[in-house]
Amino acid sequence: MAKPNYAFEKRQREIAKKKEKDAKQSRKRAAREESRPDPATSPTSLRDS
């Protein structure tokens, strides 16, 4: 029987954890960008024109 490669398993868990963290961060960034009003279409910038 082959012995388990714990370093490989640990690295795979770390990669999966980093991928999940990056995905969550990008979802949060997208939500922040969506909720932020666009300066080009905000009522104050249209009034100044």
N, C-alpha and C. Protein backbone atom coordinates (compact mmCIF):
# COMPACT_ATOMS: atom_id res chain seq x y z
N MET A 1 0.85 -1.19 0.00
CA MET A 1 0.00 0.00 0.00
C MET A 1 0.89 1.25 0.00
N ALA A 2 0.53 2.22 -0.81
CA ALA A 2 1.30 3.46 -0.90
C ALA A 2 1.03 4.33 0.33
N LYS A 3 2.07 5.02 0.75
CA LYS A 3 1.87 5.88 1.92
C LYS A 3 1.25 7.21 1.48
N PRO A 4 0.41 7.80 2.31
CA PRO A 4 -0.26 9.05 1.94
C PRO A 4 0.72 10.21 1.84
N ASN A 5 0.47 11.06 0.88
CA ASN A 5 1.30 12.24 0.68
C ASN A 5 0.58 13.42 1.34
N TYR A 6 0.87 13.61 2.63
CA TYR A 6 0.17 14.64 3.39
C TYR A 6 0.47 16.05 2.89
N ALA A 7 1.67 16.28 2.42
CA ALA A 7 2.02 17.61 1.92
C ALA A 7 1.16 17.96 0.70
N PHE A 8 0.94 16.99 -0.19
CA PHE A 8 0.12 17.23 -1.37
C PHE A 8 -1.32 17.54 -0.95
N GLU A 9 -1.85 16.75 -0.01
CA GLU A 9 -3.23 16.97 0.45
C GLU A 9 -3.37 18.33 1.10
N LYS A 10 -2.38 18.72 1.89
CA LYS A 10 -2.44 20.02 2.55
C LYS A 10 -2.42 21.14 1.51
N ARG A 11 -1.55 21.00 0.52
CA ARG A 11 -1.46 22.02 -0.53
C ARG A 11 -2.78 22.13 -1.30
N GLN A 12 -3.41 20.99 -1.56
CA GLN A 12 -4.69 21.01 -2.27
C GLN A 12 -5.76 21.71 -1.43
N ARG A 13 -5.76 21.48 -0.12
CA ARG A 13 -6.71 22.17 0.76
C ARG A 13 -6.45 23.67 0.77
N GLU A 14 -5.17 24.05 0.81
CA GLU A 14 -4.82 25.48 0.79
C GLU A 14 -5.26 26.14 -0.50
N ILE A 15 -5.06 25.45 -1.62
CA ILE A 15 -5.48 25.99 -2.92
C ILE A 15 -7.00 26.16 -2.96
N ALA A 16 -7.74 25.18 -2.47
CA ALA A 16 -9.20 25.25 -2.45
C ALA A 16 -9.66 26.40 -1.56
N LYS A 17 -9.02 26.55 -0.40
CA LYS A 17 -9.39 27.62 0.53
C LYS A 17 -9.13 28.99 -0.10
N LYS A 18 -7.98 29.13 -0.79
CA LYS A 18 -7.65 30.40 -1.45
C LYS A 18 -8.64 30.71 -2.57
N LYS A 19 -9.04 29.69 -3.32
CA LYS A 19 -10.00 29.87 -4.41
C LYS A 19 -11.34 30.35 -3.85
N GLU A 20 -11.79 29.75 -2.75
CA GLU A 20 -13.05 30.17 -2.13
C GLU A 20 -12.95 31.60 -1.61
N LYS A 21 -11.81 31.93 -1.00
CA LYS A 21 -11.62 33.28 -0.48
C LYS A 21 -11.64 34.31 -1.61
N ASP A 22 -10.95 34.01 -2.71
CA ASP A 22 -10.93 34.92 -3.85
C ASP A 22 -12.32 35.09 -4.46
N ALA A 23 -13.08 33.99 -4.54
CA ALA A 23 -14.42 34.06 -5.09
C ALA A 23 -15.31 34.93 -4.21
N LYS A 24 -15.20 34.76 -2.90
CA LYS A 24 -16.01 35.56 -1.97
C LYS A 24 -15.62 37.03 -2.08
N GLN A 25 -14.32 37.31 -2.17
CA GLN A 25 -13.86 38.69 -2.29
C GLN A 25 -14.36 39.33 -3.58
N SER A 26 -14.36 38.59 -4.67
CA SER A 26 -14.84 39.15 -5.93
C SER A 26 -16.35 39.39 -5.90
N ARG A 27 -17.10 38.50 -5.22
CA ARG A 27 -18.54 38.71 -5.08
C ARG A 27 -18.80 39.97 -4.25
N LYS A 28 -18.05 40.15 -3.17
CA LYS A 28 -18.22 41.34 -2.33
C LYS A 28 -17.86 42.61 -3.10
N ARG A 29 -16.77 42.53 -3.89
CA ARG A 29 -16.35 43.69 -4.68
C ARG A 29 -17.42 44.05 -5.71
N ALA A 30 -18.00 43.04 -6.35
CA ALA A 30 -19.04 43.28 -7.34
C ALA A 30 -20.27 43.91 -6.68
N ALA A 31 -20.62 43.45 -5.50
CA ALA A 31 -21.77 44.01 -4.79
C ALA A 31 -21.51 45.46 -4.40
N ARG A 32 -20.28 45.76 -3.98
CA ARG A 32 -19.95 47.15 -3.63
C ARG A 32 -20.02 48.05 -4.85
N GLU A 33 -19.48 47.57 -5.97
CA GLU A 33 -19.50 48.36 -7.20
C GLU A 33 -20.93 48.57 -7.69
N GLU A 34 -21.77 47.57 -7.51
CA GLU A 34 -23.16 47.67 -7.94
C GLU A 34 -23.93 48.67 -7.09
N SER A 35 -23.65 48.72 -5.80
CA SER A 35 -24.39 49.61 -4.91
C SER A 35 -23.87 51.04 -4.96
N ARG A 36 -22.64 51.22 -5.44
CA ARG A 36 -22.07 52.56 -5.52
C ARG A 36 -22.70 53.30 -6.70
N PRO A 37 -23.20 54.52 -6.49
CA PRO A 37 -23.79 55.26 -7.62
C PRO A 37 -22.72 55.66 -8.62
N ASP A 38 -23.07 55.60 -9.88
CA ASP A 38 -22.16 55.96 -10.96
C ASP A 38 -22.05 57.49 -11.02
N PRO A 39 -20.86 58.05 -10.91
CA PRO A 39 -20.72 59.52 -10.91
C PRO A 39 -21.20 60.16 -12.21
N ALA A 40 -21.14 59.45 -13.31
CA ALA A 40 -21.57 60.03 -14.60
C ALA A 40 -23.08 60.18 -14.68
N THR A 41 -23.82 59.35 -13.96
CA THR A 41 -25.28 59.41 -14.04
C THR A 41 -25.93 59.89 -12.76
N SER A 42 -25.14 60.35 -11.81
CA SER A 42 -25.73 60.83 -10.58
C SER A 42 -26.42 62.17 -10.82
N PRO A 43 -27.48 62.47 -10.09
CA PRO A 43 -28.24 63.71 -10.31
C PRO A 43 -27.40 64.97 -10.14
N THR A 44 -26.41 64.96 -9.23
CA THR A 44 -25.62 66.16 -9.01
C THR A 44 -24.73 66.46 -10.21
N SER A 45 -24.19 65.45 -10.87
CA SER A 45 -23.33 65.71 -12.02
C SER A 45 -24.17 66.17 -13.22
N LEU A 46 -25.40 65.71 -13.32
CA LEU A 46 -26.26 66.14 -14.42
C LEU A 46 -26.70 67.59 -14.22
N ARG A 47 -26.87 67.99 -12.97
CA ARG A 47 -27.28 69.35 -12.66
C ARG A 47 -26.17 70.34 -13.01
N ASP A 48 -24.91 69.95 -12.81
CA ASP A 48 -23.79 70.83 -13.06
C ASP A 48 -23.52 71.06 -14.55
N SER A 49 -24.00 70.21 -15.40
CA SER A 49 -23.73 70.31 -16.83
C SER A 49 -24.36 71.50 -17.47
